[in-house]
């Protein structure tokens, strides 16, 4: 279940991030869509009942997904303001790195989110 969730989110994230660069006027709408997707993923992860060894990794993943949601929400709120956009985009990149790190923790526990 985690694998399908991550694959779907990652595919949509890549597609919408590409669209953001091609259609700057649509950043607000696209970022809002991604914020909703990250929120849904966080809720799904929080509802899973992992084995005890994976519970801390699950909490870290859920928190990182919520942070990514918040970052995309902030990006959506910047509109096309150059200074605000740059800061919000940096925060998006940082929080997505946090999601990647949380997924690596799962991999270290023997869970492969890519299979």
Protein backbone atom coordinates (compact mmCIF):
# COMPACT_ATOMS: atom_id res chain seq x y z
CA UNK A 1 0.00 0.00 0.00
CA UNK A 2 2.84 2.41 0.81
CA UNK A 3 4.50 1.59 -2.51
CA UNK A 4 1.40 2.49 -4.55
CA UNK A 5 0.84 5.65 -2.52
CA UNK A 6 4.40 6.88 -2.98
CA UNK A 7 4.48 5.98 -6.69
CA UNK A 8 1.23 7.87 -7.35
CA UNK A 9 2.31 10.90 -5.37
CA UNK A 10 5.75 10.97 -6.96
CA UNK A 11 4.34 10.72 -10.47
CA UNK A 12 1.91 13.55 -9.90
CA UNK A 13 4.56 15.65 -8.16
CA UNK A 14 6.95 15.32 -11.10
CA UNK A 15 4.23 16.14 -13.62
CA UNK A 16 2.91 19.17 -11.76
CA UNK A 17 6.38 20.52 -10.92
CA UNK A 18 7.21 20.36 -14.63
CA UNK A 19 3.98 22.22 -15.42
CA UNK A 20 4.86 24.89 -12.83
CA UNK A 21 8.03 25.70 -14.71
CA UNK A 22 6.26 25.71 -18.07
CA UNK A 23 3.20 27.67 -16.89
CA UNK A 24 4.27 30.10 -14.14
CA UNK A 25 0.83 31.76 -14.12
CA UNK A 26 -0.67 28.45 -12.93
CA UNK A 27 1.72 27.90 -9.99
CA UNK A 28 -0.93 28.73 -7.40
CA UNK A 29 -3.40 26.18 -8.72
CA UNK A 30 -0.78 23.49 -9.31
CA UNK A 31 0.82 23.99 -5.89
CA UNK A 32 -2.60 23.82 -4.24
CA UNK A 33 -3.24 20.52 -6.03
CA UNK A 34 0.06 19.15 -4.74
CA UNK A 35 -0.67 20.41 -1.22
CA UNK A 36 -3.93 18.42 -1.28
CA UNK A 37 -2.13 15.31 -2.58
CA UNK A 38 0.50 15.53 0.18
CA UNK A 39 -2.26 16.02 2.77
CA UNK A 40 -4.07 12.94 1.50
CA UNK A 41 -0.86 10.92 1.54
CA UNK A 42 -0.13 12.04 5.10
CA UNK A 43 -3.61 10.98 6.23
CA UNK A 44 -3.23 7.59 4.55
CA UNK A 45 0.21 6.99 6.09
CA UNK A 46 -1.05 8.03 9.52
CA UNK A 47 -3.90 5.52 9.23
CA UNK A 48 -1.62 2.57 8.42
CA UNK A 49 -0.76 0.18 11.22
CA UNK A 50 2.91 -0.63 10.76
CA UNK A 51 4.84 -3.32 12.62
CA UNK A 52 6.39 -1.95 15.82
CA UNK A 53 9.88 -1.51 14.33
CA UNK A 54 8.48 0.73 11.61
CA UNK A 55 6.26 2.93 13.79
CA UNK A 56 8.83 5.69 14.32
CA UNK A 57 9.59 5.73 10.58
CA UNK A 58 5.87 5.99 9.87
CA UNK A 59 5.49 8.99 12.18
CA UNK A 60 8.50 10.65 10.53
CA UNK A 61 7.05 10.03 7.07
CA UNK A 62 3.64 11.40 8.04
CA UNK A 63 5.26 14.53 9.50
CA UNK A 64 7.41 15.05 6.42
CA UNK A 65 4.34 14.74 4.19
CA UNK A 66 2.52 17.36 6.28
CA UNK A 67 5.57 19.65 6.03
CA UNK A 68 5.53 19.22 2.25
CA UNK A 69 1.81 20.05 2.21
CA UNK A 70 2.53 23.23 4.17
CA UNK A 71 5.38 24.15 1.82
CA UNK A 72 3.20 23.74 -1.26
CA UNK A 73 0.44 25.75 0.41
CA UNK A 74 2.96 28.56 1.00
CA UNK A 75 4.14 28.30 -2.61
CA UNK A 76 0.56 28.61 -3.83
CA UNK A 77 0.09 31.73 -1.71
CA UNK A 78 3.10 33.53 -3.23
CA UNK A 79 1.52 33.89 -6.65
CA UNK A 80 4.10 35.21 -9.07
CA UNK A 81 6.00 37.40 -6.58
CA UNK A 82 9.67 36.64 -7.38
CA UNK A 83 11.13 37.01 -3.87
CA UNK A 84 8.37 35.08 -2.16
CA UNK A 85 8.37 32.42 -4.84
CA UNK A 86 12.10 31.76 -4.47
CA UNK A 87 11.80 31.31 -0.70
CA UNK A 88 8.73 29.10 -1.02
CA UNK A 89 10.34 26.98 -3.73
CA UNK A 90 13.43 26.51 -1.53
CA UNK A 91 11.16 25.35 1.29
CA UNK A 92 9.38 22.93 -1.07
CA UNK A 93 12.73 21.45 -2.08
CA UNK A 94 13.81 21.10 1.55
CA UNK A 95 10.58 19.42 2.62
CA UNK A 96 10.65 17.05 -0.33
CA UNK A 97 14.17 16.07 0.76
CA UNK A 98 12.64 15.35 4.17
CA UNK A 99 10.10 13.04 2.53
CA UNK A 100 12.93 11.27 0.70
CA UNK A 101 14.85 10.85 3.98
CA UNK A 102 11.79 9.43 5.70
CA UNK A 103 11.33 6.94 2.86
CA UNK A 104 14.99 5.95 3.20
CA UNK A 105 14.31 5.12 6.84
CA UNK A 106 11.64 2.68 5.69
CA UNK A 107 14.12 1.16 3.23
CA UNK A 108 16.65 0.67 6.06
CA UNK A 109 13.98 -1.28 7.92
CA UNK A 110 13.54 -3.57 4.93
CA UNK A 111 10.56 -1.86 3.33
CA UNK A 112 11.11 -0.91 -0.27
CA UNK A 113 8.68 1.80 -1.38
CA UNK A 114 9.68 1.28 -5.00
CA UNK A 115 8.70 -2.35 -5.33
